[in-house]
Amino acid sequence: MFESMIFLKIAAILFLFLTLALSIIVVNFFKLQKRGWNFADIAFPLFAFEFYLISDKAYYSSLIPHLTFSLSVLAIGLCLFFLLQKRQFNYKRFFKVFWRAGFILTFLMYLALVIAVLTL
């Protein structure tokens, strides 16, 4: 039990750095900047998957519903922002902003999860 918790803590920290490094390498290697992609576009689903893996192993149940709820609130907030402030709604712009803001939200939640796992 103790060894598996140490392994989980090490894996959580390694996932944090390896995901960012892998995303940057993939974007640079395949020259995805020309298509408007950056590392956040690739790291977002990876962090969501890692959030599921680490939270499922560290706690009795996964914290993925919390992430899903947070992303839903983000989507509603962005819709309201585009409709009330900009007075127009462009699907392409919405999905791009949602994807990038979702990366920031998922990264911060994963960082909080790593800190919580390290305190166990």
PDB file of N, CA and C in Angstrom:
ATOM      1  N   MET A   1       0.828  -1.192   0.000  1.00  0.00           N
ATOM      2  CA  MET A   1       0.000   0.000   0.000  1.00  0.00           C
ATOM      3  C   MET A   1       0.871   1.255   0.000  1.00  0.00           C
ATOM      4  N   PHE A   2       1.878   1.275   0.868  1.00  0.00           N
ATOM      5  CA  PHE A   2       2.734   2.452   0.972  1.00  0.00           C
ATOM      6  C   PHE A   2       3.540   2.669  -0.304  1.00  0.00           C
ATOM      7  N   GLU A   3       4.032   1.579  -0.893  1.00  0.00           N
ATOM      8  CA  GLU A   3       4.821   1.695  -2.115  1.00  0.00           C
ATOM      9  C   GLU A   3       3.969   2.175  -3.282  1.00  0.00           C
ATOM     10  N   SER A   4       2.722   1.733  -3.330  1.00  0.00           N
ATOM     11  CA  SER A   4       1.861   2.160  -4.431  1.00  0.00           C
ATOM     12  C   SER A   4       1.524   3.644  -4.316  1.00  0.00           C
ATOM     13  N   MET A   5       1.429   4.160  -3.094  1.00  0.00           N
ATOM     14  CA  MET A   5       1.143   5.579  -2.914  1.00  0.00           C
ATOM     15  C   MET A   5       2.345   6.428  -3.324  1.00  0.00           C
ATOM     16  N   ILE A   6       3.535   5.959  -3.027  1.00  0.00           N
ATOM     17  CA  ILE A   6       4.736   6.676  -3.460  1.00  0.00           C
ATOM     18  C   ILE A   6       4.815   6.675  -4.984  1.00  0.00           C
ATOM     19  N   PHE A   7       4.519   5.531  -5.587  1.00  0.00           N
ATOM     20  CA  PHE A   7       4.513   5.442  -7.049  1.00  0.00           C
ATOM     21  C   PHE A   7       3.482   6.389  -7.649  1.00  0.00           C
ATOM     22  N   LEU A   8       2.311   6.495  -7.022  1.00  0.00           N
ATOM     23  CA  LEU A   8       1.261   7.386  -7.508  1.00  0.00           C
ATOM     24  C   LEU A   8       1.704   8.847  -7.424  1.00  0.00           C
ATOM     25  N   LYS A   9       2.371   9.209  -6.355  1.00  0.00           N
ATOM     26  CA  LYS A   9       2.859  10.582  -6.207  1.00  0.00           C
ATOM     27  C   LYS A   9       3.909  10.906  -7.264  1.00  0.00           C
ATOM     28  N   ILE A  10       4.810   9.985  -7.502  1.00  0.00           N
ATOM     29  CA  ILE A  10       5.840  10.195  -8.526  1.00  0.00           C
ATOM     30  C   ILE A  10       5.210  10.271  -9.906  1.00  0.00           C
ATOM     31  N   ALA A  11       4.256   9.388 -10.177  1.00  0.00           N
ATOM     32  CA  ALA A  11       3.589   9.391 -11.482  1.00  0.00           C
ATOM     33  C   ALA A  11       2.816  10.682 -11.700  1.00  0.00           C
ATOM     34  N   ALA A  12       2.155  11.187 -10.669  1.00  0.00           N
ATOM     35  CA  ALA A  12       1.388  12.425 -10.800  1.00  0.00           C
ATOM     36  C   ALA A  12       2.294  13.597 -11.156  1.00  0.00           C
ATOM     37  N   ILE A  13       3.458  13.661 -10.530  1.00  0.00           N
ATOM     38  CA  ILE A  13       4.393  14.751 -10.826  1.00  0.00           C
ATOM     39  C   ILE A  13       4.996  14.574 -12.220  1.00  0.00           C
ATOM     40  N   LEU A  14       5.359  13.355 -12.569  1.00  0.00           N
ATOM     41  CA  LEU A  14       5.936  13.111 -13.895  1.00  0.00           C
ATOM     42  C   LEU A  14       4.938  13.400 -15.011  1.00  0.00           C
ATOM     43  N   PHE A  15       3.672  13.013 -14.811  1.00  0.00           N
ATOM     44  CA  PHE A  15       2.648  13.305 -15.816  1.00  0.00           C
ATOM     45  C   PHE A  15       2.565  14.801 -16.086  1.00  0.00           C
ATOM     46  N   LEU A  16       2.712  15.593 -15.044  1.00  0.00           N
ATOM     47  CA  LEU A  16       2.611  17.041 -15.179  1.00  0.00           C
ATOM     48  C   LEU A  16       3.644  17.580 -16.165  1.00  0.00           C
ATOM     49  N   PHE A  17       4.883  17.163 -16.004  1.00  0.00           N
ATOM     50  CA  PHE A  17       5.946  17.675 -16.865  1.00  0.00           C
ATOM     51  C   PHE A  17       6.005  16.963 -18.216  1.00  0.00           C
ATOM     52  N   LEU A  18       5.781  15.663 -18.219  1.00  0.00           N
ATOM     53  CA  LEU A  18       5.871  14.908 -19.470  1.00  0.00           C
ATOM     54  C   LEU A  18       4.763  15.272 -20.452  1.00  0.00           C
ATOM     55  N   THR A  19       3.584  15.569 -19.944  1.00  0.00           N
ATOM     56  CA  THR A  19       2.487  15.960 -20.830  1.00  0.00           C
ATOM     57  C   THR A  19       2.803  17.268 -21.537  1.00  0.00           C
ATOM     58  N   LEU A  20       3.293  18.233 -20.791  1.00  0.00           N
ATOM     59  CA  LEU A  20       3.646  19.515 -21.409  1.00  0.00           C
ATOM     60  C   LEU A  20       4.787  19.343 -22.407  1.00  0.00           C
ATOM     61  N   ALA A  21       5.800  18.580 -22.023  1.00  0.00           N
ATOM     62  CA  ALA A  21       6.939  18.364 -22.920  1.00  0.00           C
ATOM     63  C   ALA A  21       6.516  17.616 -24.176  1.00  0.00           C
ATOM     64  N   LEU A  22       5.729  16.569 -24.019  1.00  0.00           N
ATOM     65  CA  LEU A  22       5.264  15.796 -25.168  1.00  0.00           C
ATOM     66  C   LEU A  22       4.407  16.640 -26.102  1.00  0.00           C
ATOM     67  N   SER A  23       3.544  17.470 -25.546  1.00  0.00           N
ATOM     68  CA  SER A  23       2.690  18.324 -26.373  1.00  0.00           C
ATOM     69  C   SER A  23       3.512  19.327 -27.173  1.00  0.00           C
ATOM     70  N   ILE A  24       4.499  19.920 -26.534  1.00  0.00           N
ATOM     71  CA  ILE A  24       5.349  20.888 -27.233  1.00  0.00           C
ATOM     72  C   ILE A  24       6.151  20.198 -28.328  1.00  0.00           C
ATOM     73  N   ILE A  25       6.667  19.014 -28.043  1.00  0.00           N
ATOM     74  CA  ILE A  25       7.437  18.271 -29.048  1.00  0.00           C
ATOM     75  C   ILE A  25       6.570  17.895 -30.239  1.00  0.00           C
ATOM     76  N   VAL A  26       5.359  17.421 -29.991  1.00  0.00           N
ATOM     77  CA  VAL A  26       4.465  17.022 -31.091  1.00  0.00           C
ATOM     78  C   VAL A  26       4.103  18.221 -31.955  1.00  0.00           C
ATOM     79  N   VAL A  27       3.792  19.356 -31.328  1.00  0.00           N
ATOM     80  CA  VAL A  27       3.427  20.551 -32.097  1.00  0.00           C
ATOM     81  C   VAL A  27       4.601  21.028 -32.943  1.00  0.00           C
ATOM     82  N   ASN A  28       5.795  21.010 -32.387  1.00  0.00           N
ATOM     83  CA  ASN A  28       6.964  21.453 -33.151  1.00  0.00           C
ATOM     84  C   ASN A  28       7.372  20.451 -34.221  1.00  0.00           C
ATOM     85  N   PHE A  29       7.282  19.162 -33.916  1.00  0.00           N
ATOM     86  CA  PHE A  29       7.703  18.138 -34.872  1.00  0.00           C
ATOM     87  C   PHE A  29       6.794  18.102 -36.099  1.00  0.00           C
ATOM     88  N   PHE A  30       5.490  18.169 -35.879  1.00  0.00           N
ATOM     89  CA  PHE A  30       4.544  18.111 -36.995  1.00  0.00           C
ATOM     90  C   PHE A  30       4.192  19.490 -37.544  1.00  0.00           C
ATOM     91  N   LYS A  31       4.835  20.534 -37.024  1.00  0.00           N
ATOM     92  CA  LYS A  31       4.629  21.914 -37.475  1.00  0.00           C
ATOM     93  C   LYS A  31       3.142  22.289 -37.459  1.00  0.00           C
ATOM     94  N   LEU A  32       2.516  22.045 -36.327  1.00  0.00           N
ATOM     95  CA  LEU A  32       1.087  22.306 -36.189  1.00  0.00           C
ATOM     96  C   LEU A  32       0.773  23.781 -35.957  1.00  0.00           C
ATOM     97  N   GLN A  33       1.811  24.610 -35.730  1.00  0.00           N
ATOM     98  CA  GLN A  33       1.574  26.039 -35.573  1.00  0.00           C
ATOM     99  C   GLN A  33       0.993  26.634 -36.849  1.00  0.00           C
ATOM    100  N   LYS A  34       1.369  26.059 -37.989  1.00  0.00           N
ATOM    101  CA  LYS A  34       0.879  26.567 -39.272  1.00  0.00           C
ATOM    102  C   LYS A  34      -0.623  26.380 -39.411  1.00  0.00           C
ATOM    103  N   ARG A  35      -1.163  25.398 -38.699  1.00  0.00           N
ATOM    104  CA  ARG A  35      -2.608  25.148 -38.736  1.00  0.00           C
ATOM    105  C   ARG A  35      -3.335  25.833 -37.580  1.00  0.00           C
ATOM    106  N   GLY A  36      -2.622  26.616 -36.787  1.00  0.00           N
ATOM    107  CA  GLY A  36      -3.233  27.343 -35.689  1.00  0.00           C
ATOM    108  C   GLY A  36      -3.291  26.574 -34.379  1.00  0.00           C
ATOM    109  N   TRP A  37      -2.569  25.489 -34.282  1.00  0.00           N
ATOM    110  CA  TRP A  37      -2.559  24.692 -33.058  1.00  0.00           C
ATOM    111  C   TRP A  37      -1.400  25.131 -32.177  1.00  0.00           C
ATOM    112  N   ASN A  38      -1.562  24.960 -30.879  1.00  0.00           N
ATOM    113  CA  ASN A  38      -0.439  25.108 -29.967  1.00  0.00           C
ATOM    114  C   ASN A  38      -0.446  23.939 -28.988  1.00  0.00           C
ATOM    115  N   PHE A  39       0.474  23.939 -28.058  1.00  0.00           N
ATOM    116  CA  PHE A  39       0.619  22.774 -27.174  1.00  0.00           C
ATOM    117  C   PHE A  39      -0.620  22.538 -26.321  1.00  0.00           C
ATOM    118  N   ALA A  40      -1.374  23.583 -26.017  1.00  0.00           N
ATOM    119  CA  ALA A  40      -2.568  23.431 -25.177  1.00  0.00           C
ATOM    120  C   ALA A  40      -3.639  22.591 -25.860  1.00  0.00           C
ATOM    121  N   ASP A  41      -3.683  22.635 -27.183  1.00  0.00           N
ATOM    122  CA  ASP A  41      -4.687  21.866 -27.914  1.00  0.00           C
ATOM    123  C   ASP A  41      -4.458  20.365 -27.785  1.00  0.00           C
ATOM    124  N   ILE A  42      -3.227  19.964 -27.596  1.00  0.00           N
ATOM    125  CA  ILE A  42      -2.912  18.541 -27.444  1.00  0.00           C
ATOM    126  C   ILE A  42      -2.889  18.149 -25.971  1.00  0.00           C
ATOM    127  N   ALA A  43      -2.449  19.047 -25.105  1.00  0.00           N
ATOM    128  CA  ALA A  43      -2.314  18.725 -23.683  1.00  0.00           C
ATOM    129  C   ALA A  43      -3.657  18.656 -22.965  1.00  0.00           C
ATOM    130  N   PHE A  44      -4.673  19.349 -23.466  1.00  0.00           N
ATOM    131  CA  PHE A  44      -5.975  19.374 -22.790  1.00  0.00           C
ATOM    132  C   PHE A  44      -6.586  17.986 -22.615  1.00  0.00           C
ATOM    133  N   PRO A  45      -6.758  17.190 -23.674  1.00  0.00           N
ATOM    134  CA  PRO A  45      -7.330  15.850 -23.444  1.00  0.00           C
ATOM    135  C   PRO A  45      -6.399  14.930 -22.650  1.00  0.00           C
ATOM    136  N   LEU A  46      -5.096  15.139 -22.783  1.00  0.00           N
ATOM    137  CA  LEU A  46      -4.158  14.321 -22.008  1.00  0.00           C
ATOM    138  C   LEU A  46      -4.279  14.607 -20.511  1.00  0.00           C
ATOM    139  N   PHE A  47      -4.385  15.885 -20.154  1.00  0.00           N
ATOM    140  CA  PHE A  47      -4.553  16.224 -18.743  1.00  0.00           C
ATOM    141  C   PHE A  47      -5.883  15.720 -18.204  1.00  0.00           C
ATOM    142  N   ALA A  48      -6.933  15.754 -19.023  1.00  0.00           N
ATOM    143  CA  ALA A  48      -8.228  15.234 -18.575  1.00  0.00           C
ATOM    144  C   ALA A  48      -8.132  13.735 -18.298  1.00  0.00           C
ATOM    145  N   PHE A  49      -7.441  12.998 -19.173  1.00  0.00           N
ATOM    146  CA  PHE A  49      -7.270  11.560 -18.972  1.00  0.00           C
ATOM    147  C   PHE A  49      -6.410  11.279 -17.744  1.00  0.00           C
ATOM    148  N   GLU A  50      -5.350  12.046 -17.568  1.00  0.00           N
ATOM    149  CA  GLU A  50      -4.487  11.867 -16.405  1.00  0.00           C
ATOM    150  C   GLU A  50      -5.205  12.242 -15.116  1.00  0.00           C
ATOM    151  N   PHE A  51      -6.068  13.245 -15.195  1.00  0.00           N
ATOM    152  CA  PHE A  51      -6.882  13.629 -14.040  1.00  0.00           C
ATOM    153  C   PHE A  51      -7.745  12.453 -13.605  1.00  0.00           C
ATOM    154  N   TYR A  52      -8.323  11.769 -14.576  1.00  0.00           N
ATOM    155  CA  TYR A  52      -9.123  10.581 -14.272  1.00  0.00           C
ATOM    156  C   TYR A  52      -8.255   9.486 -13.654  1.00  0.00           C
ATOM    157  N   LEU A  53      -7.115   9.199 -14.256  1.00  0.00           N
ATOM    158  CA  LEU A  53      -6.253   8.121 -13.760  1.00  0.00           C
ATOM    159  C   LEU A  53      -5.790   8.357 -12.320  1.00  0.00           C
ATOM    160  N   ILE A  54      -5.280   9.533 -12.058  1.00  0.00           N
ATOM    161  CA  ILE A  54      -4.722   9.818 -10.738  1.00  0.00           C
ATOM    162  C   ILE A  54      -5.820   9.905  -9.684  1.00  0.00           C
ATOM    163  N   SER A  55      -6.927  10.573 -10.004  1.00  0.00           N
ATOM    164  CA  SER A  55      -7.990  10.706  -9.006  1.00  0.00           C
ATOM    165  C   SER A  55      -8.662   9.369  -8.719  1.00  0.00           C
ATOM    166  N   ASP A  56      -8.747   8.505  -9.715  1.00  0.00           N
ATOM    167  CA  ASP A  56      -9.361   7.190  -9.509  1.00  0.00           C
ATOM    168  C   ASP A  56      -8.501   6.317  -8.605  1.00  0.00           C
ATOM    169  N   LYS A  57      -7.197   6.423  -8.738  1.00  0.00           N
ATOM    170  CA  LYS A  57      -6.297   5.616  -7.908  1.00  0.00           C
ATOM    171  C   LYS A  57      -6.128   6.204  -6.501  1.00  0.00           C
ATOM    172  N   ALA A  58      -6.178   7.518  -6.372  1.00  0.00           N
ATOM    173  CA  ALA A  58      -5.914   8.150  -5.083  1.00  0.00           C
ATOM    174  C   ALA A  58      -7.141   8.160  -4.173  1.00  0.00           C
ATOM    175  N   TYR A  59      -8.331   8.225  -4.750  1.00  0.00           N
ATOM    176  CA  TYR A  59      -9.554   8.319  -3.964  1.00  0.00           C
ATOM    177  C   TYR A  59     -10.455   7.127  -4.266  1.00  0.00           C
ATOM    178  N   TYR A  60     -11.541   7.016  -3.527  1.00  0.00           N
ATOM    179  CA  TYR A  60     -12.444   5.889  -3.711  1.00  0.00           C
ATOM    180  C   TYR A  60     -13.169   5.947  -5.048  1.00  0.00           C
ATOM    181  N   SER A  61     -13.431   7.139  -5.514  1.00  0.00           N
ATOM    182  CA  SER A  61     -14.056   7.296  -6.827  1.00  0.00           C
ATOM    183  C   SER A  61     -13.343   8.421  -7.569  1.00  0.00           C
ATOM    184  N   SER A  62     -13.527   8.431  -8.859  1.00  0.00           N
ATOM    185  CA  SER A  62     -12.853   9.419  -9.687  1.00  0.00           C
ATOM    186  C   SER A  62     -13.460  10.808  -9.471  1.00  0.00           C
ATOM    187  N   LEU A  63     -12.654  11.817  -9.674  1.00  0.00           N
ATOM    188  CA  LEU A  63     -13.128  13.196  -9.572  1.00  0.00           C
ATOM    189  C   LEU A  63     -13.516  13.767 -10.934  1.00  0.00           C
ATOM    190  N   ILE A  64     -13.682  12.904 -11.919  1.00  0.00           N
ATOM    191  CA  ILE A  64     -14.014  13.372 -13.265  1.00  0.00           C
ATOM    192  C   ILE A  64     -15.370  14.097 -13.323  1.00  0.00           C
ATOM    193  N   PRO A  65     -16.372  13.750 -12.488  1.00  0.00           N
ATOM    194  CA  PRO A  65     -17.603  14.554 -12.505  1.00  0.00           C
ATOM    195  C   PRO A  65     -17.366  16.009 -12.110  1.00  0.00           C
ATOM    196  N   HIS A  66     -16.417  16.255 -11.215  1.00  0.00           N
ATOM    197  CA  HIS A  66     -16.093  17.630 -10.837  1.00  0.00           C
ATOM    198  C   HIS A  66     -15.481  18.385 -12.017  1.00  0.00           C
ATOM    199  N   LEU A  67     -14.625  17.716 -12.753  1.00  0.00           N
ATOM    200  CA  LEU A  67     -14.028  18.333 -13.937  1.00  0.00           C
ATOM    201  C   LEU A  67     -15.091  18.592 -15.002  1.00  0.00           C
ATOM    202  N   THR A  68     -15.973  17.632 -15.201  1.00  0.00           N
ATOM    203  CA  THR A  68     -17.047  17.791 -16.188  1.00  0.00           C
ATOM    204  C   THR A  68     -17.964  18.947 -15.811  1.00  0.00           C
ATOM    205  N   PHE A  69     -18.315  19.045 -14.547  1.00  0.00           N
ATOM    206  CA  PHE A  69     -19.156  20.151 -14.088  1.00  0.00           C
ATOM    207  C   PHE A  69     -18.450  21.488 -14.290  1.00  0.00           C
ATOM    208  N   SER A  70     -17.176  21.554 -13.972  1.00  0.00           N
ATOM    209  CA  SER A  70     -16.416  22.799 -14.144  1.00  0.00           C
ATOM    210  C   SER A  70     -16.341  23.207 -15.612  1.00  0.00           C
ATOM    211  N   LEU A  71     -16.125  22.234 -16.492  1.00  0.00           N
ATOM    212  CA  LEU A  71     -16.085  22.544 -17.925  1.00  0.00           C
ATOM    213  C   LEU A  71     -17.461  22.970 -18.434  1.00  0.00           C
ATOM    214  N   SER A  72     -18.522  22.405 -17.879  1.00  0.00           N
ATOM    215  CA  SER A  72     -19.875  22.808 -18.270  1.00  0.00           C
ATOM    216  C   SER A  72     -20.161  24.246 -17.851  1.00  0.00           C
ATOM    217  N   VAL A  73     -19.765  24.601 -16.642  1.00  0.00           N
ATOM    218  CA  VAL A  73     -19.937  25.981 -16.174  1.00  0.00           C
ATOM    219  C   VAL A  73     -19.109  26.934 -17.034  1.00  0.00           C
ATOM    220  N   LEU A  74     -17.918  26.513 -17.407  1.00  0.00           N
ATOM    221  CA  LEU A  74     -17.080  27.318 -18.299  1.00  0.00           C
ATOM    222  C   LEU A  74     -17.768  27.534 -19.643  1.00  0.00           C
ATOM    223  N   ALA A  75     -18.350  26.483 -20.207  1.00  0.00           N
ATOM    224  CA  ALA A  75     -19.031  26.599 -21.501  1.00  0.00           C
ATOM    225  C   ALA A  75     -20.229  27.538 -21.409  1.00  0.00           C
ATOM    226  N   ILE A  76     -21.004  27.430 -20.350  1.00  0.00           N
ATOM    227  CA  ILE A  76     -22.152  28.326 -20.177  1.00  0.00           C
ATOM    228  C   ILE A  76     -21.680  29.763 -20.013  1.00  0.00           C
ATOM    229  N   GLY A  77     -20.624  29.960 -19.228  1.00  0.00           N
ATOM    230  CA  GLY A  77     -20.084  31.304 -19.047  1.00  0.00           C
ATOM    231  C   GLY A  77     -19.568  31.904 -20.343  1.00  0.00           C
ATOM    232  N   LEU A  78     -18.906  31.101 -21.163  1.00  0.00           N
ATOM    233  CA  LEU A  78     -18.419  31.601 -22.452  1.00  0.00           C
ATOM    234  C   LEU A  78     -19.573  31.928 -23.393  1.00  0.00           C
ATOM    235  N   CYS A  79     -20.601  31.100 -23.384  1.00  0.00           N
ATOM    236  CA  CYS A  79     -21.780  31.387 -24.217  1.00  0.00           C
ATOM    237  C   CYS A  79     -22.407  32.711 -23.815  1.00  0.00           C
ATOM    238  N   LEU A  80     -22.568  32.913 -22.514  1.00  0.00           N
ATOM    239  CA  LEU A  80     -23.136  34.174 -22.040  1.00  0.00           C
ATOM    240  C   LEU A  80     -22.232  35.349 -22.392  1.00  0.00           C
ATOM    241  N   PHE A  81     -20.936  35.167 -22.277  1.00  0.00           N
ATOM    242  CA  PHE A  81     -20.007  36.240 -22.632  1.00  0.00           C
ATOM    243  C   PHE A  81     -20.142  36.617 -24.101  1.00  0.00           C
ATOM    244  N   PHE A  82     -20.144  35.619 -24.976  1.00  0.00           N
ATOM    245  CA  PHE A  82     -20.239  35.910 -26.406  1.00  0.00           C
ATOM    246  C   PHE A  82     -21.581  36.533 -26.764  1.00  0.00           C
ATOM    247  N   LEU A  83     -22.645  36.086 -26.126  1.00  0.00           N
ATOM    248  CA  LEU A  83     -23.964  36.609 -26.470  1.00  0.00           C
ATOM    249  C   LEU A  83     -24.222  37.984 -25.867  1.00  0.00           C
ATOM    250  N   LEU A  84     -23.771  38.225 -24.647  1.00  0.00           N
ATOM    251  CA  LEU A  84     -24.062  39.494 -23.992  1.00  0.00           C
ATOM    252  C   LEU A  84     -23.043  40.580 -24.324  1.00  0.00           C
ATOM    253  N   GLN A  85     -21.776  40.250 -24.395  1.00  0.00           N
ATOM    254  CA  GLN A  85     -20.746  41.253 -24.649  1.00  0.00           C
ATOM    255  C   GLN A  85     -20.526  41.489 -26.142  1.00  0.00           C
ATOM    256  N   LYS A  86     -20.375  40.428 -26.876  1.00  0.00           N
ATOM    257  CA  LYS A  86     -20.035  40.550 -28.293  1.00  0.00           C
ATOM    258  C   LYS A  86     -21.264  40.683 -29.184  1.00  0.00           C
ATOM    259  N   ARG A  87     -22.425  40.283 -28.683  1.00  0.00           N
ATOM    260  CA  ARG A  87     -23.692  40.332 -29.431  1.00  0.00           C
ATOM    261  C   ARG A  87     -23.703  39.436 -30.664  1.00  0.00           C
ATOM    262  N   GLN A  88     -22.790  38.493 -30.708  1.00  0.00           N
ATOM    263  CA  GLN A  88     -22.788  37.518 -31.800  1.00  0.00           C
ATOM    264  C   GLN A  88     -22.174  36.225 -31.289  1.00  0.00           C
ATOM    265  N   PHE A  89     -22.525  35.143 -31.954  1.00  0.00           N
ATOM    266  CA  PHE A  89     -22.025  33.840 -31.526  1.00  0.00           C
ATOM    267  C   PHE A  89     -21.468  33.131 -32.739  1.00  0.00           C
ATOM    268  N   ASN A  90     -20.178  32.902 -32.729  1.00  0.00           N
ATOM    269  CA  ASN A  90     -19.491  32.204 -33.798  1.00  0.00           C
ATOM    270  C   ASN A  90     -19.004  30.872 -33.230  1.00  0.00           C
ATOM    271  N   TYR A  91     -19.481  29.770 -33.812  1.00  0.00           N
ATOM    272  CA  TYR A  91     -19.142  28.448 -33.285  1.00  0.00           C
ATOM    273  C   TYR A  91     -17.641  28.182 -33.302  1.00  0.00           C
ATOM    274  N   LYS A  92     -16.998  28.559 -34.390  1.00  0.00           N
ATOM    275  CA  LYS A  92     -15.563  28.306 -34.499  1.00  0.00           C
ATOM    276  C   LYS A  92     -14.801  29.047 -33.404  1.00  0.00           C
ATOM    277  N   ARG A  93     -15.141  30.293 -33.198  1.00  0.00           N
ATOM    278  CA  ARG A  93     -14.481  31.091 -32.162  1.00  0.00           C
ATOM    279  C   ARG A  93     -14.792  30.534 -30.772  1.00  0.00           C
ATOM    280  N   PHE A  94     -16.059  30.132 -30.552  1.00  0.00           N
ATOM    281  CA  PHE A  94     -16.441  29.578 -29.251  1.00  0.00           C
ATOM    282  C   PHE A  94     -15.636  28.328 -28.929  1.00  0.00           C
ATOM    283  N   PHE A  95     -15.547  27.399 -29.878  1.00  0.00           N
ATOM    284  CA  PHE A  95     -14.840  26.153 -29.602  1.00  0.00           C
ATOM    285  C   PHE A  95     -13.345  26.381 -29.388  1.00  0.00           C
ATOM    286  N   LYS A  96     -12.773  27.333 -30.103  1.00  0.00           N
ATOM    287  CA  LYS A  96     -11.352  27.617 -29.915  1.00  0.00           C
ATOM    288  C   LYS A  96     -11.102  28.221 -28.533  1.00  0.00           C
ATOM    289  N   VAL A  97     -11.927  29.180 -28.142  1.00  0.00           N
ATOM    290  CA  VAL A  97     -11.769  29.800 -26.822  1.00  0.00           C
ATOM    291  C   VAL A  97     -12.080  28.786 -25.725  1.00  0.00           C
ATOM    292  N   PHE A  98     -13.114  27.966 -25.929  1.00  0.00           N
ATOM    293  CA  PHE A  98     -13.456  26.951 -24.931  1.00  0.00           C
ATOM    294  C   PHE A  98     -12.328  25.943 -24.771  1.00  0.00           C
ATOM    295  N   TRP A  99     -11.731  25.535 -25.881  1.00  0.00           N
ATOM    296  CA  TRP A  99     -10.662  24.534 -25.815  1.00  0.00           C
ATOM    297  C   TRP A  99      -9.456  25.083 -25.059  1.00  0.00           C
ATOM    298  N   ARG A 100      -9.096  26.327 -25.336  1.00  0.00           N
ATOM    299  CA  ARG A 100      -7.937  26.925 -24.669  1.00  0.00           C
ATOM    300  C   ARG A 100      -8.242  27.223 -23.197  1.00  0.00           C
ATOM    301  N   ALA A 101      -9.434  27.739 -22.914  1.00  0.00           N
ATOM    302  CA  ALA A 101      -9.803  27.999 -21.518  1.00  0.00           C
ATOM    303  C   ALA A 101      -9.996  26.690 -20.757  1.00  0.00           C
ATOM    304  N   GLY A 102     -10.490  25.670 -21.453  1.00  0.00           N
ATOM    305  CA  GLY A 102     -10.629  24.352 -20.838  1.00  0.00           C
ATOM    306  C   GLY A 102      -9.279  23.771 -20.470  1.00  0.00           C
ATOM    307  N   PHE A 103      -8.275  24.034 -21.284  1.00  0.00           N
ATOM    308  CA  PHE A 103      -6.918  23.591 -20.947  1.00  0.00           C
ATOM    309  C   PHE A 103      -6.450  24.245 -19.659  1.00  0.00           C
ATOM    310  N   ILE A 104      -6.648  25.551 -19.543  1.00  0.00           N
ATOM    311  CA  ILE A 104      -6.207  26.259 -18.336  1.00  0.00           C
ATOM    312  C   ILE A 104      -6.938  25.722 -17.108  1.00  0.00           C
ATOM    313  N   LEU A 105      -8.254  25.525 -17.235  1.00  0.00           N
ATOM    314  CA  LEU A 105      -9.037  25.001 -16.119  1.00  0.00           C
ATOM    315  C   LEU A 105      -8.602  23.587 -15.746  1.00  0.00           C
ATOM    316  N   THR A 106      -8.420  22.739 -16.739  1.00  0.00           N
ATOM    317  CA  THR A 106      -8.006  21.361 -16.482  1.00  0.00           C
ATOM    318  C   THR A 106      -6.600  21.317 -15.896  1.00  0.00           C
ATOM    319  N   PHE A 107      -5.711  22.156 -16.395  1.00  0.00           N
ATOM    320  CA  PHE A 107      -4.353  22.209 -15.853  1.00  0.00           C
ATOM    321  C   PHE A 107      -4.369  22.626 -14.389  1.00  0.00           C
ATOM    322  N   LEU A 108      -5.158  23.643 -14.055  1.00  0.00           N
ATOM    323  CA  LEU A 108      -5.220  24.098 -12.666  1.00  0.00           C
ATOM    324  C   LEU A 108      -5.850  23.047 -11.758  1.00  0.00           C
ATOM    325  N   MET A 109      -6.883  22.362 -12.257  1.00  0.00           N
ATOM    326  CA  MET A 109      -7.497  21.306 -11.450  1.00  0.00           C
ATOM    327  C   MET A 109      -6.547  20.123 -11.286  1.00  0.00           C
ATOM    328  N   TYR A 110      -5.790  19.801 -12.325  1.00  0.00           N
ATOM    329  CA  TYR A 110      -4.809  18.720 -12.210  1.00  0.00           C
ATOM    330  C   TYR A 110      -3.698  19.109 -11.240  1.00  0.00           C
ATOM    331  N   LEU A 111      -3.282  20.363 -11.294  1.00  0.00           N
ATOM    332  CA  LEU A 111      -2.264  20.842 -10.363  1.00  0.00           C
ATOM    333  C   LEU A 111      -2.768  20.758  -8.923  1.00  0.00           C
ATOM    334  N   ALA A 112      -4.027  21.125  -8.699  1.00  0.00           N
ATOM    335  CA  ALA A 112      -4.620  21.000  -7.363  1.00  0.00           C
ATOM    336  C   ALA A 112      -4.699  19.538  -6.938  1.00  0.00           C
ATOM    337  N   LEU A 113      -5.010  18.658  -7.886  1.00  0.00           N
ATOM    338  CA  LEU A 113      -5.058  17.227  -7.583  1.00  0.00           C
ATOM    339  C   LEU A 113      -3.678  16.704  -7.203  1.00  0.00           C
ATOM    340  N   VAL A 114      -2.655  17.136  -7.906  1.00  0.00           N
ATOM    341  CA  VAL A 114      -1.284  16.708  -7.588  1.00  0.00           C
ATOM    342  C   VAL A 114      -0.897  17.184  -6.191  1.00  0.00           C
ATOM    343  N   ILE A 115      -1.230  18.413  -5.864  1.00  0.00           N
ATOM    344  CA  ILE A 115      -0.930  18.926  -4.522  1.00  0.00           C
ATOM    345  C   ILE A 115      -1.695  18.130  -3.470  1.00  0.00           C
ATOM    346  N   ALA A 116      -2.956  17.802  -3.753  1.00  0.00           N
ATOM    347  CA  ALA A 116      -3.744  17.005  -2.802  1.00  0.00           C
ATOM    348  C   ALA A 116      -3.173  15.600  -2.643  1.00  0.00           C
ATOM    349  N   VAL A 117      -2.724  15.011  -3.740  1.00  0.00           N
ATOM    350  CA  VAL A 117      -2.143  13.663  -3.664  1.00  0.00           C
ATOM    351  C   VAL A 117      -0.829  13.699  -2.891  1.00  0.00           C
ATOM    352  N   LEU A 118      -0.057  14.748  -3.056  1.00  0.00           N
ATOM    353  CA  LEU A 118       1.216  14.845  -2.338  1.00  0.00           C
ATOM    354  C   LEU A 118       1.025  15.012  -0.833  1.00  0.00           C
ATOM    355  N   THR A 119      -0.127  15.521  -0.418  1.00  0.00           N
ATOM    356  CA  THR A 119      -0.375  15.689   1.014  1.00  0.00           C
ATOM    357  C   THR A 119      -0.960  14.438   1.656  1.00  0.00           C
ATOM    358  N   LEU A 120      -1.300  13.427   0.860  1.00  0.00           N
ATOM    359  CA  LEU A 120      -1.856  12.189   1.429  1.00  0.00           C
ATOM    360  C   LEU A 120      -0.804  11.408   2.175  1.00  0.00           C
TER     361      LEU A 120
END
